[in-house]
């Protein structure tokens, strides 16, 4: 509220919306509802993007924003994306990788980046 009240248009906030919080899915614990509408209601210029899509992120960060308004980017993401044992697994909200898990994760991510 203060950022929009004071017309702080040099502020950008990035919200990683992966639909989880420490205790589980936000839909079960405390739903955020229409997050973009909430930020807009506080006077922010808002854009929603696929947080895994570099082109969409680039477009968001290079777009001309509304003068006199702070800017929010809601990055819709998948927790642990690309790692079989971590993807959409809330246990990884606070877990620490073992060396063997690290090796598996790197191999899986490299395989996906190679297009295999």
PDB file of N, CA and C in Angstrom:
ATOM      1  N   UNK A   1       0.824  -1.184   0.000  1.00  0.00           N
ATOM      2  CA  UNK A   1       0.000   0.000   0.000  1.00  0.00           C
ATOM      3  C   UNK A   1       0.870   1.250   0.000  1.00  0.00           C
ATOM      4  N   UNK A   2       1.907   1.245   0.810  1.00  0.00           N
ATOM      5  CA  UNK A   2       2.764   2.425   0.896  1.00  0.00           C
ATOM      6  C   UNK A   2       3.464   2.680  -0.434  1.00  0.00           C
ATOM      7  N   UNK A   3       3.913   1.604  -1.099  1.00  0.00           N
ATOM      8  CA  UNK A   3       4.626   1.774  -2.366  1.00  0.00           C
ATOM      9  C   UNK A   3       3.756   2.461  -3.409  1.00  0.00           C
ATOM     10  N   UNK A   4       2.503   2.067  -3.491  1.00  0.00           N
ATOM     11  CA  UNK A   4       1.624   2.712  -4.471  1.00  0.00           C
ATOM     12  C   UNK A   4       1.218   4.108  -3.998  1.00  0.00           C
ATOM     13  N   UNK A   5       0.995   4.268  -2.710  1.00  0.00           N
ATOM     14  CA  UNK A   5       0.622   5.577  -2.180  1.00  0.00           C
ATOM     15  C   UNK A   5       1.689   6.621  -2.504  1.00  0.00           C
ATOM     16  N   UNK A   6       2.950   6.226  -2.347  1.00  0.00           N
ATOM     17  CA  UNK A   6       4.056   7.148  -2.602  1.00  0.00           C
ATOM     18  C   UNK A   6       4.546   7.104  -4.043  1.00  0.00           C
ATOM     19  N   UNK A   7       3.788   6.393  -4.914  1.00  0.00           N
ATOM     20  CA  UNK A   7       4.070   6.316  -6.350  1.00  0.00           C
ATOM     21  C   UNK A   7       5.510   5.835  -6.638  1.00  0.00           C
ATOM     22  N   UNK A   8       5.895   4.801  -5.930  1.00  0.00           N
ATOM     23  CA  UNK A   8       7.251   4.264  -6.065  1.00  0.00           C
ATOM     24  C   UNK A   8       7.329   3.334  -7.269  1.00  0.00           C
ATOM     25  N   UNK A   9       7.431   3.931  -8.441  1.00  0.00           N
ATOM     26  CA  UNK A   9       7.450   3.140  -9.667  1.00  0.00           C
ATOM     27  C   UNK A   9       8.833   2.599 -10.012  1.00  0.00           C
ATOM     28  N   UNK A  10       9.763   2.696  -9.081  1.00  0.00           N
ATOM     29  CA  UNK A  10      11.091   2.114  -9.277  1.00  0.00           C
ATOM     30  C   UNK A  10      11.257   0.829  -8.455  1.00  0.00           C
ATOM     31  N   UNK A  11      10.144   0.254  -8.025  1.00  0.00           N
ATOM     32  CA  UNK A  11      10.166  -0.990  -7.245  1.00  0.00           C
ATOM     33  C   UNK A  11       9.550  -2.111  -8.076  1.00  0.00           C
ATOM     34  N   UNK A  12      10.245  -3.251  -8.102  1.00  0.00           N
ATOM     35  CA  UNK A  12       9.704  -4.471  -8.709  1.00  0.00           C
ATOM     36  C   UNK A  12       9.789  -5.576  -7.679  1.00  0.00           C
ATOM     37  N   UNK A  13       8.678  -6.273  -7.482  1.00  0.00           N
ATOM     38  CA  UNK A  13       8.654  -7.424  -6.585  1.00  0.00           C
ATOM     39  C   UNK A  13       8.355  -8.663  -7.426  1.00  0.00           C
ATOM     40  N   UNK A  14       9.000  -9.774  -7.080  1.00  0.00           N
ATOM     41  CA  UNK A  14       8.770 -11.046  -7.765  1.00  0.00           C
ATOM     42  C   UNK A  14       8.163 -12.002  -6.749  1.00  0.00           C
ATOM     43  N   UNK A  15       6.994 -12.527  -7.066  1.00  0.00           N
ATOM     44  CA  UNK A  15       6.321 -13.483  -6.190  1.00  0.00           C
ATOM     45  C   UNK A  15       6.452 -14.858  -6.832  1.00  0.00           C
ATOM     46  N   UNK A  16       7.103 -15.773  -6.137  1.00  0.00           N
ATOM     47  CA  UNK A  16       7.226 -17.151  -6.608  1.00  0.00           C
ATOM     48  C   UNK A  16       5.980 -17.891  -6.137  1.00  0.00           C
ATOM     49  N   UNK A  17       5.025 -18.051  -7.042  1.00  0.00           N
ATOM     50  CA  UNK A  17       3.752 -18.695  -6.683  1.00  0.00           C
ATOM     51  C   UNK A  17       3.802 -20.166  -7.090  1.00  0.00           C
ATOM     52  N   UNK A  18       4.276 -20.990  -6.148  1.00  0.00           N
ATOM     53  CA  UNK A  18       4.360 -22.424  -6.425  1.00  0.00           C
ATOM     54  C   UNK A  18       3.262 -23.219  -5.720  1.00  0.00           C
ATOM     55  N   UNK A  19       2.335 -22.502  -5.074  1.00  0.00           N
ATOM     56  CA  UNK A  19       1.155 -23.104  -4.455  1.00  0.00           C
ATOM     57  C   UNK A  19       1.441 -23.991  -3.246  1.00  0.00           C
ATOM     58  N   UNK A  20       2.613 -23.816  -2.639  1.00  0.00           N
ATOM     59  CA  UNK A  20       2.954 -24.529  -1.414  1.00  0.00           C
ATOM     60  C   UNK A  20       3.443 -23.545  -0.370  1.00  0.00           C
ATOM     61  N   UNK A  21       3.296 -23.934   0.885  1.00  0.00           N
ATOM     62  CA  UNK A  21       3.943 -23.248   1.981  1.00  0.00           C
ATOM     63  C   UNK A  21       4.506 -24.337   2.881  1.00  0.00           C
ATOM     64  N   UNK A  22       5.184 -23.968   3.928  1.00  0.00           N
ATOM     65  CA  UNK A  22       5.898 -24.944   4.746  1.00  0.00           C
ATOM     66  C   UNK A  22       5.037 -26.145   5.137  1.00  0.00           C
ATOM     67  N   UNK A  23       3.789 -25.919   5.526  1.00  0.00           N
ATOM     68  CA  UNK A  23       2.951 -27.006   6.014  1.00  0.00           C
ATOM     69  C   UNK A  23       2.186 -27.780   4.965  1.00  0.00           C
ATOM     70  N   UNK A  24       2.260 -27.372   3.684  1.00  0.00           N
ATOM     71  CA  UNK A  24       1.535 -28.079   2.640  1.00  0.00           C
ATOM     72  C   UNK A  24       0.992 -27.141   1.585  1.00  0.00           C
ATOM     73  N   UNK A  25       0.018 -27.598   0.806  1.00  0.00           N
ATOM     74  CA  UNK A  25      -0.548 -26.770  -0.269  1.00  0.00           C
ATOM     75  C   UNK A  25      -1.258 -25.535   0.290  1.00  0.00           C
ATOM     76  N   UNK A  26      -1.050 -24.400  -0.343  1.00  0.00           N
ATOM     77  CA  UNK A  26      -1.713 -23.170   0.107  1.00  0.00           C
ATOM     78  C   UNK A  26      -3.230 -23.315   0.018  1.00  0.00           C
ATOM     79  N   UNK A  27      -3.719 -24.104  -0.936  1.00  0.00           N
ATOM     80  CA  UNK A  27      -5.175 -24.276  -1.083  1.00  0.00           C
ATOM     81  C   UNK A  27      -5.801 -24.921   0.153  1.00  0.00           C
ATOM     82  N   UNK A  28      -5.021 -25.718   0.888  1.00  0.00           N
ATOM     83  CA  UNK A  28      -5.530 -26.385   2.081  1.00  0.00           C
ATOM     84  C   UNK A  28      -5.241 -25.612   3.365  1.00  0.00           C
ATOM     85  N   UNK A  29      -4.169 -24.822   3.367  1.00  0.00           N
ATOM     86  CA  UNK A  29      -3.742 -24.157   4.598  1.00  0.00           C
ATOM     87  C   UNK A  29      -4.248 -22.723   4.669  1.00  0.00           C
ATOM     88  N   UNK A  30      -3.948 -21.955   3.636  1.00  0.00           N
ATOM     89  CA  UNK A  30      -4.440 -20.583   3.565  1.00  0.00           C
ATOM     90  C   UNK A  30      -4.396 -20.157   2.104  1.00  0.00           C
ATOM     91  N   UNK A  31      -5.503 -20.329   1.437  1.00  0.00           N
ATOM     92  CA  UNK A  31      -5.594 -20.003   0.019  1.00  0.00           C
ATOM     93  C   UNK A  31      -5.323 -18.520  -0.198  1.00  0.00           C
ATOM     94  N   UNK A  32      -4.555 -18.224  -1.234  1.00  0.00           N
ATOM     95  CA  UNK A  32      -4.281 -16.817  -1.556  1.00  0.00           C
ATOM     96  C   UNK A  32      -5.293 -16.282  -2.554  1.00  0.00           C
ATOM     97  N   UNK A  33      -6.145 -17.152  -3.089  1.00  0.00           N
ATOM     98  CA  UNK A  33      -7.155 -16.697  -4.040  1.00  0.00           C
ATOM     99  C   UNK A  33      -6.517 -16.074  -5.272  1.00  0.00           C
ATOM    100  N   UNK A  34      -7.135 -15.017  -5.757  1.00  0.00           N
ATOM    101  CA  UNK A  34      -6.642 -14.321  -6.944  1.00  0.00           C
ATOM    102  C   UNK A  34      -5.548 -13.351  -6.508  1.00  0.00           C
ATOM    103  N   UNK A  35      -4.321 -13.831  -6.517  1.00  0.00           N
ATOM    104  CA  UNK A  35      -3.185 -13.056  -6.022  1.00  0.00           C
ATOM    105  C   UNK A  35      -2.971 -11.776  -6.829  1.00  0.00           C
ATOM    106  N   UNK A  36      -3.121 -11.856  -8.141  1.00  0.00           N
ATOM    107  CA  UNK A  36      -2.925 -10.665  -8.979  1.00  0.00           C
ATOM    108  C   UNK A  36      -3.944  -9.583  -8.610  1.00  0.00           C
ATOM    109  N   UNK A  37      -5.182  -9.973  -8.403  1.00  0.00           N
ATOM    110  CA  UNK A  37      -6.221  -9.003  -8.033  1.00  0.00           C
ATOM    111  C   UNK A  37      -5.906  -8.354  -6.694  1.00  0.00           C
ATOM    112  N   UNK A  38      -5.356  -9.121  -5.780  1.00  0.00           N
ATOM    113  CA  UNK A  38      -5.005  -8.563  -4.473  1.00  0.00           C
ATOM    114  C   UNK A  38      -3.919  -7.501  -4.608  1.00  0.00           C
ATOM    115  N   UNK A  39      -2.873  -7.792  -5.378  1.00  0.00           N
ATOM    116  CA  UNK A  39      -1.805  -6.806  -5.569  1.00  0.00           C
ATOM    117  C   UNK A  39      -2.336  -5.578  -6.301  1.00  0.00           C
ATOM    118  N   UNK A  40      -3.182  -5.802  -7.301  1.00  0.00           N
ATOM    119  CA  UNK A  40      -3.772  -4.665  -8.024  1.00  0.00           C
ATOM    120  C   UNK A  40      -4.619  -3.804  -7.093  1.00  0.00           C
ATOM    121  N   UNK A  41      -5.310  -4.439  -6.166  1.00  0.00           N
ATOM    122  CA  UNK A  41      -6.164  -3.678  -5.245  1.00  0.00           C
ATOM    123  C   UNK A  41      -5.343  -2.755  -4.347  1.00  0.00           C
ATOM    124  N   UNK A  42      -4.053  -3.046  -4.214  1.00  0.00           N
ATOM    125  CA  UNK A  42      -3.165  -2.177  -3.447  1.00  0.00           C
ATOM    126  C   UNK A  42      -2.420  -1.198  -4.358  1.00  0.00           C
ATOM    127  N   UNK A  43      -2.850  -1.113  -5.611  1.00  0.00           N
ATOM    128  CA  UNK A  43      -2.306  -0.110  -6.516  1.00  0.00           C
ATOM    129  C   UNK A  43      -1.076  -0.504  -7.303  1.00  0.00           C
ATOM    130  N   UNK A  44      -0.792  -1.778  -7.387  1.00  0.00           N
ATOM    131  CA  UNK A  44       0.380  -2.251  -8.122  1.00  0.00           C
ATOM    132  C   UNK A  44       0.019  -2.582  -9.569  1.00  0.00           C
ATOM    133  N   UNK A  45       0.968  -2.358 -10.466  1.00  0.00           N
ATOM    134  CA  UNK A  45       0.902  -2.845 -11.841  1.00  0.00           C
ATOM    135  C   UNK A  45       1.374  -4.299 -11.752  1.00  0.00           C
ATOM    136  N   UNK A  46       0.591  -5.240 -12.285  1.00  0.00           N
ATOM    137  CA  UNK A  46       0.881  -6.665 -12.086  1.00  0.00           C
ATOM    138  C   UNK A  46       0.895  -7.401 -13.411  1.00  0.00           C
ATOM    139  N   UNK A  47       1.835  -8.329 -13.545  1.00  0.00           N
ATOM    140  CA  UNK A  47       1.854  -9.249 -14.672  1.00  0.00           C
ATOM    141  C   UNK A  47       2.082 -10.650 -14.122  1.00  0.00           C
ATOM    142  N   UNK A  48       1.396 -11.634 -14.712  1.00  0.00           N
ATOM    143  CA  UNK A  48       1.590 -13.036 -14.340  1.00  0.00           C
ATOM    144  C   UNK A  48       2.319 -13.746 -15.474  1.00  0.00           C
ATOM    145  N   UNK A  49       3.297 -14.582 -15.107  1.00  0.00           N
ATOM    146  CA  UNK A  49       4.076 -15.307 -16.104  1.00  0.00           C
ATOM    147  C   UNK A  49       4.309 -16.737 -15.641  1.00  0.00           C
ATOM    148  N   UNK A  50       4.707 -17.574 -16.589  1.00  0.00           N
ATOM    149  CA  UNK A  50       5.217 -18.903 -16.281  1.00  0.00           C
ATOM    150  C   UNK A  50       6.635 -18.671 -15.768  1.00  0.00           C
ATOM    151  N   UNK A  51       6.852 -18.902 -14.504  1.00  0.00           N
ATOM    152  CA  UNK A  51       8.150 -18.641 -13.894  1.00  0.00           C
ATOM    153  C   UNK A  51       9.274 -19.533 -14.379  1.00  0.00           C
ATOM    154  N   UNK A  52       8.970 -20.511 -15.229  1.00  0.00           N
ATOM    155  CA  UNK A  52       9.995 -21.377 -15.803  1.00  0.00           C
ATOM    156  C   UNK A  52      10.295 -20.997 -17.250  1.00  0.00           C
ATOM    157  N   UNK A  53       9.612 -19.985 -17.754  1.00  0.00           N
ATOM    158  CA  UNK A  53       9.753 -19.584 -19.153  1.00  0.00           C
ATOM    159  C   UNK A  53      10.586 -18.302 -19.226  1.00  0.00           C
ATOM    160  N   UNK A  54      11.809 -18.437 -19.663  1.00  0.00           N
ATOM    161  CA  UNK A  54      12.752 -17.312 -19.695  1.00  0.00           C
ATOM    162  C   UNK A  54      12.222 -16.185 -20.578  1.00  0.00           C
ATOM    163  N   UNK A  55      11.602 -16.511 -21.699  1.00  0.00           N
ATOM    164  CA  UNK A  55      11.066 -15.469 -22.585  1.00  0.00           C
ATOM    165  C   UNK A  55       9.979 -14.655 -21.897  1.00  0.00           C
ATOM    166  N   UNK A  56       9.079 -15.331 -21.181  1.00  0.00           N
ATOM    167  CA  UNK A  56       8.019 -14.615 -20.471  1.00  0.00           C
ATOM    168  C   UNK A  56       8.597 -13.747 -19.356  1.00  0.00           C
ATOM    169  N   UNK A  57       9.587 -14.258 -18.655  1.00  0.00           N
ATOM    170  CA  UNK A  57      10.234 -13.465 -17.607  1.00  0.00           C
ATOM    171  C   UNK A  57      10.927 -12.248 -18.210  1.00  0.00           C
ATOM    172  N   UNK A  58      11.642 -12.458 -19.297  1.00  0.00           N
ATOM    173  CA  UNK A  58      12.329 -11.344 -19.960  1.00  0.00           C
ATOM    174  C   UNK A  58      11.325 -10.273 -20.395  1.00  0.00           C
ATOM    175  N   UNK A  59      10.246 -10.714 -21.027  1.00  0.00           N
ATOM    176  CA  UNK A  59       9.217  -9.763 -21.466  1.00  0.00           C
ATOM    177  C   UNK A  59       8.644  -8.981 -20.284  1.00  0.00           C
ATOM    178  N   UNK A  60       8.436  -9.658 -19.169  1.00  0.00           N
ATOM    179  CA  UNK A  60       7.887  -8.987 -17.984  1.00  0.00           C
ATOM    180  C   UNK A  60       8.843  -7.916 -17.473  1.00  0.00           C
ATOM    181  N   UNK A  61      10.127  -8.253 -17.426  1.00  0.00           N
ATOM    182  CA  UNK A  61      11.102  -7.321 -16.858  1.00  0.00           C
ATOM    183  C   UNK A  61      11.486  -6.199 -17.806  1.00  0.00           C
ATOM    184  N   UNK A  62      11.152  -6.342 -19.072  1.00  0.00           N
ATOM    185  CA  UNK A  62      11.500  -5.284 -20.025  1.00  0.00           C
ATOM    186  C   UNK A  62      10.282  -4.505 -20.508  1.00  0.00           C
ATOM    187  N   UNK A  63       9.110  -4.876 -20.024  1.00  0.00           N
ATOM    188  CA  UNK A  63       7.897  -4.172 -20.462  1.00  0.00           C
ATOM    189  C   UNK A  63       7.847  -2.782 -19.845  1.00  0.00           C
ATOM    190  N   UNK A  64       7.174  -1.894 -20.542  1.00  0.00           N
ATOM    191  CA  UNK A  64       6.970  -0.562 -20.000  1.00  0.00           C
ATOM    192  C   UNK A  64       5.895  -0.662 -18.921  1.00  0.00           C
ATOM    193  N   UNK A  65       6.229  -0.232 -17.733  1.00  0.00           N
ATOM    194  CA  UNK A  65       5.295  -0.341 -16.620  1.00  0.00           C
ATOM    195  C   UNK A  65       4.509   0.960 -16.458  1.00  0.00           C
ATOM    196  N   UNK A  66       3.449   0.870 -15.692  1.00  0.00           N
ATOM    197  CA  UNK A  66       2.568   2.026 -15.480  1.00  0.00           C
ATOM    198  C   UNK A  66       3.298   3.095 -14.670  1.00  0.00           C
ATOM    199  N   UNK A  67       3.316   4.322 -15.170  1.00  0.00           N
ATOM    200  CA  UNK A  67       3.978   5.389 -14.417  1.00  0.00           C
ATOM    201  C   UNK A  67       3.299   5.602 -13.065  1.00  0.00           C
ATOM    202  N   UNK A  68       4.124   5.795 -12.042  1.00  0.00           N
ATOM    203  CA  UNK A  68       3.603   6.067 -10.709  1.00  0.00           C
ATOM    204  C   UNK A  68       3.122   4.849  -9.949  1.00  0.00           C
ATOM    205  N   UNK A  69       3.355   3.640 -10.516  1.00  0.00           N
ATOM    206  CA  UNK A  69       2.913   2.417  -9.840  1.00  0.00           C
ATOM    207  C   UNK A  69       4.098   1.470  -9.637  1.00  0.00           C
ATOM    208  N   UNK A  70       4.175   0.854  -8.467  1.00  0.00           N
ATOM    209  CA  UNK A  70       5.164  -0.221  -8.289  1.00  0.00           C
ATOM    210  C   UNK A  70       4.743  -1.410  -9.156  1.00  0.00           C
ATOM    211  N   UNK A  71       5.678  -2.299  -9.429  1.00  0.00           N
ATOM    212  CA  UNK A  71       5.458  -3.381 -10.381  1.00  0.00           C
ATOM    213  C   UNK A  71       5.646  -4.732  -9.704  1.00  0.00           C
ATOM    214  N   UNK A  72       4.695  -5.639  -9.905  1.00  0.00           N
ATOM    215  CA  UNK A  72       4.777  -6.992  -9.351  1.00  0.00           C
ATOM    216  C   UNK A  72       4.721  -8.026 -10.470  1.00  0.00           C
ATOM    217  N   UNK A  73       5.639  -8.977 -10.411  1.00  0.00           N
ATOM    218  CA  UNK A  73       5.655 -10.106 -11.340  1.00  0.00           C
ATOM    219  C   UNK A  73       5.286 -11.345 -10.534  1.00  0.00           C
ATOM    220  N   UNK A  74       4.164 -11.958 -10.893  1.00  0.00           N
ATOM    221  CA  UNK A  74       3.771 -13.209 -10.251  1.00  0.00           C
ATOM    222  C   UNK A  74       4.268 -14.334 -11.146  1.00  0.00           C
ATOM    223  N   UNK A  75       5.272 -15.047 -10.637  1.00  0.00           N
ATOM    224  CA  UNK A  75       5.888 -16.139 -11.384  1.00  0.00           C
ATOM    225  C   UNK A  75       5.247 -17.449 -10.943  1.00  0.00           C
ATOM    226  N   UNK A  76       4.377 -17.986 -11.776  1.00  0.00           N
ATOM    227  CA  UNK A  76       3.730 -19.272 -11.493  1.00  0.00           C
ATOM    228  C   UNK A  76       4.744 -20.376 -11.748  1.00  0.00           C
ATOM    229  N   UNK A  77       5.109 -21.085 -10.686  1.00  0.00           N
ATOM    230  CA  UNK A  77       6.155 -22.096 -10.787  1.00  0.00           C
ATOM    231  C   UNK A  77       5.682 -23.432 -10.215  1.00  0.00           C
ATOM    232  N   UNK A  78       6.472 -24.450 -10.468  1.00  0.00           N
ATOM    233  CA  UNK A  78       6.255 -25.787  -9.918  1.00  0.00           C
ATOM    234  C   UNK A  78       7.404 -26.056  -8.963  1.00  0.00           C
ATOM    235  N   UNK A  79       7.089 -26.295  -7.720  1.00  0.00           N
ATOM    236  CA  UNK A  79       8.125 -26.578  -6.717  1.00  0.00           C
ATOM    237  C   UNK A  79       8.959 -27.771  -7.165  1.00  0.00           C
ATOM    238  N   UNK A  80      10.266 -27.597  -7.192  1.00  0.00           N
ATOM    239  CA  UNK A  80      11.178 -28.682  -7.526  1.00  0.00           C
ATOM    240  C   UNK A  80      11.132 -29.122  -8.979  1.00  0.00           C
ATOM    241  N   UNK A  81      10.655 -28.255  -9.860  1.00  0.00           N
ATOM    242  CA  UNK A  81      10.446 -28.620 -11.274  1.00  0.00           C
ATOM    243  C   UNK A  81      11.680 -29.272 -11.889  1.00  0.00           C
ATOM    244  N   UNK A  82      11.426 -30.398 -12.539  1.00  0.00           N
ATOM    245  CA  UNK A  82      12.482 -31.080 -13.282  1.00  0.00           C
ATOM    246  C   UNK A  82      13.263 -32.113 -12.498  1.00  0.00           C
ATOM    247  N   UNK A  83      12.992 -32.229 -11.205  1.00  0.00           N
ATOM    248  CA  UNK A  83      13.688 -33.216 -10.375  1.00  0.00           C
ATOM    249  C   UNK A  83      12.636 -34.195  -9.860  1.00  0.00           C
ATOM    250  N   UNK A  84      12.716 -35.437 -10.322  1.00  0.00           N
ATOM    251  CA  UNK A  84      11.646 -36.414 -10.098  1.00  0.00           C
ATOM    252  C   UNK A  84      11.230 -36.548  -8.638  1.00  0.00           C
ATOM    253  N   UNK A  85      12.165 -36.601  -7.732  1.00  0.00           N
ATOM    254  CA  UNK A  85      11.804 -36.832  -6.339  1.00  0.00           C
ATOM    255  C   UNK A  85      11.403 -35.552  -5.603  1.00  0.00           C
ATOM    256  N   UNK A  86      11.592 -34.403  -6.222  1.00  0.00           N
ATOM    257  CA  UNK A  86      11.281 -33.138  -5.553  1.00  0.00           C
ATOM    258  C   UNK A  86      10.077 -32.408  -6.157  1.00  0.00           C
ATOM    259  N   UNK A  87       9.758 -32.700  -7.419  1.00  0.00           N
ATOM    260  CA  UNK A  87       8.703 -31.954  -8.095  1.00  0.00           C
ATOM    261  C   UNK A  87       7.355 -32.129  -7.395  1.00  0.00           C
ATOM    262  N   UNK A  88       6.761 -30.989  -7.039  1.00  0.00           N
ATOM    263  CA  UNK A  88       5.481 -30.936  -6.318  1.00  0.00           C
ATOM    264  C   UNK A  88       5.489 -31.739  -5.021  1.00  0.00           C
ATOM    265  N   UNK A  89       6.656 -31.896  -4.435  1.00  0.00           N
ATOM    266  CA  UNK A  89       6.798 -32.624  -3.184  1.00  0.00           C
ATOM    267  C   UNK A  89       7.154 -31.604  -2.101  1.00  0.00           C
ATOM    268  N   UNK A  90       6.193 -31.295  -1.254  1.00  0.00           N
ATOM    269  CA  UNK A  90       6.397 -30.238  -0.266  1.00  0.00           C
ATOM    270  C   UNK A  90       7.454 -30.579   0.786  1.00  0.00           C
ATOM    271  N   UNK A  91       7.826 -31.850   0.899  1.00  0.00           N
ATOM    272  CA  UNK A  91       8.890 -32.212   1.834  1.00  0.00           C
ATOM    273  C   UNK A  91      10.191 -31.485   1.485  1.00  0.00           C
ATOM    274  N   UNK A  92      10.314 -31.070   0.230  1.00  0.00           N
ATOM    275  CA  UNK A  92      11.535 -30.378  -0.207  1.00  0.00           C
ATOM    276  C   UNK A  92      11.485 -28.882   0.064  1.00  0.00           C
ATOM    277  N   UNK A  93      10.474 -28.435   0.786  1.00  0.00           N
ATOM    278  CA  UNK A  93      10.410 -27.029   1.183  1.00  0.00           C
ATOM    279  C   UNK A  93      11.558 -26.693   2.140  1.00  0.00           C
ATOM    280  N   UNK A  94      11.973 -27.695   2.904  1.00  0.00           N
ATOM    281  CA  UNK A  94      12.995 -27.454   3.919  1.00  0.00           C
ATOM    282  C   UNK A  94      14.042 -28.577   3.978  1.00  0.00           C
ATOM    283  N   UNK A  95      14.028 -29.476   3.022  1.00  0.00           N
ATOM    284  CA  UNK A  95      14.936 -30.622   3.045  1.00  0.00           C
ATOM    285  C   UNK A  95      16.321 -30.241   2.513  1.00  0.00           C
ATOM    286  N   UNK A  96      17.283 -31.056   2.846  1.00  0.00           N
ATOM    287  CA  UNK A  96      18.660 -30.873   2.387  1.00  0.00           C
ATOM    288  C   UNK A  96      19.032 -32.078   1.528  1.00  0.00           C
ATOM    289  N   UNK A  97      19.598 -31.798   0.356  1.00  0.00           N
ATOM    290  CA  UNK A  97      20.006 -32.873  -0.554  1.00  0.00           C
ATOM    291  C   UNK A  97      21.198 -33.643  -0.014  1.00  0.00           C
ATOM    292  N   UNK A  98      21.165 -34.948  -0.215  1.00  0.00           N
ATOM    293  CA  UNK A  98      22.359 -35.756   0.009  1.00  0.00           C
ATOM    294  C   UNK A  98      23.199 -35.665  -1.263  1.00  0.00           C
ATOM    295  N   UNK A  99      24.409 -36.136  -1.216  1.00  0.00           N
ATOM    296  CA  UNK A  99      25.279 -36.114  -2.394  1.00  0.00           C
ATOM    297  C   UNK A  99      24.663 -36.950  -3.518  1.00  0.00           C
ATOM    298  N   UNK A 100      24.114 -38.114  -3.204  1.00  0.00           N
ATOM    299  CA  UNK A 100      23.530 -38.954  -4.261  1.00  0.00           C
ATOM    300  C   UNK A 100      22.272 -38.307  -4.847  1.00  0.00           C
ATOM    301  N   UNK A 101      21.460 -37.654  -4.017  1.00  0.00           N
ATOM    302  CA  UNK A 101      20.285 -36.939  -4.534  1.00  0.00           C
ATOM    303  C   UNK A 101      20.713 -35.773  -5.420  1.00  0.00           C
ATOM    304  N   UNK A 102      21.748 -35.087  -5.007  1.00  0.00           N
ATOM    305  CA  UNK A 102      22.290 -33.990  -5.816  1.00  0.00           C
ATOM    306  C   UNK A 102      22.693 -34.514  -7.194  1.00  0.00           C
ATOM    307  N   UNK A 103      23.411 -35.627  -7.223  1.00  0.00           N
ATOM    308  CA  UNK A 103      23.867 -36.206  -8.490  1.00  0.00           C
ATOM    309  C   UNK A 103      22.678 -36.583  -9.383  1.00  0.00           C
ATOM    310  N   UNK A 104      21.644 -37.172  -8.790  1.00  0.00           N
ATOM    311  CA  UNK A 104      20.439 -37.532  -9.542  1.00  0.00           C
ATOM    312  C   UNK A 104      19.774 -36.277 -10.102  1.00  0.00           C
ATOM    313  N   UNK A 105      19.619 -35.262  -9.263  1.00  0.00           N
ATOM    314  CA  UNK A 105      18.970 -34.008  -9.683  1.00  0.00           C
ATOM    315  C   UNK A 105      19.726 -33.355 -10.830  1.00  0.00           C
ATOM    316  N   UNK A 106      21.037 -33.265 -10.720  1.00  0.00           N
ATOM    317  CA  UNK A 106      21.836 -32.645 -11.784  1.00  0.00           C
ATOM    318  C   UNK A 106      21.704 -33.437 -13.078  1.00  0.00           C
ATOM    319  N   UNK A 107      21.746 -34.757 -12.982  1.00  0.00           N
ATOM    320  CA  UNK A 107      21.609 -35.599 -14.178  1.00  0.00           C
ATOM    321  C   UNK A 107      20.247 -35.389 -14.831  1.00  0.00           C
ATOM    322  N   UNK A 108      19.184 -35.338 -14.025  1.00  0.00           N
ATOM    323  CA  UNK A 108      17.845 -35.145 -14.584  1.00  0.00           C
ATOM    324  C   UNK A 108      17.709 -33.764 -15.229  1.00  0.00           C
ATOM    325  N   UNK A 109      18.216 -32.748 -14.575  1.00  0.00           N
ATOM    326  CA  UNK A 109      18.117 -31.392 -15.132  1.00  0.00           C
ATOM    327  C   UNK A 109      18.952 -31.256 -16.400  1.00  0.00           C
ATOM    328  N   UNK A 110      20.136 -31.863 -16.419  1.00  0.00           N
ATOM    329  CA  UNK A 110      20.959 -31.824 -17.627  1.00  0.00           C
ATOM    330  C   UNK A 110      20.287 -32.557 -18.772  1.00  0.00           C
ATOM    331  N   UNK A 111      19.652 -33.683 -18.468  1.00  0.00           N
ATOM    332  CA  UNK A 111      18.941 -34.451 -19.503  1.00  0.00           C
ATOM    333  C   UNK A 111      17.816 -33.618 -20.106  1.00  0.00           C
ATOM    334  N   UNK A 112      17.067 -32.907 -19.255  1.00  0.00           N
ATOM    335  CA  UNK A 112      15.968 -32.073 -19.744  1.00  0.00           C
ATOM    336  C   UNK A 112      16.491 -30.895 -20.557  1.00  0.00           C
ATOM    337  N   UNK A 113      17.612 -30.314 -20.151  1.00  0.00           N
ATOM    338  CA  UNK A 113      18.144 -29.160 -20.881  1.00  0.00           C
ATOM    339  C   UNK A 113      18.733 -29.583 -22.235  1.00  0.00           C
ATOM    340  N   UNK A 114      19.102 -30.854 -22.353  1.00  0.00           N
ATOM    341  CA  UNK A 114      19.603 -31.363 -23.628  1.00  0.00           C
ATOM    342  C   UNK A 114      18.471 -31.725 -24.574  1.00  0.00           C
ATOM    343  N   UNK A 115      17.233 -31.651 -24.072  1.00  0.00           N
ATOM    344  CA  UNK A 115      16.071 -31.964 -24.898  1.00  0.00           C
ATOM    345  C   UNK A 115      15.794 -33.435 -25.035  1.00  0.00           C
ATOM    346  N   UNK A 116      16.404 -34.227 -24.194  1.00  0.00           N
ATOM    347  CA  UNK A 116      16.227 -35.681 -24.268  1.00  0.00           C
ATOM    348  C   UNK A 116      14.990 -36.076 -23.511  1.00  0.00           C
TER     349      UNK A 116
END
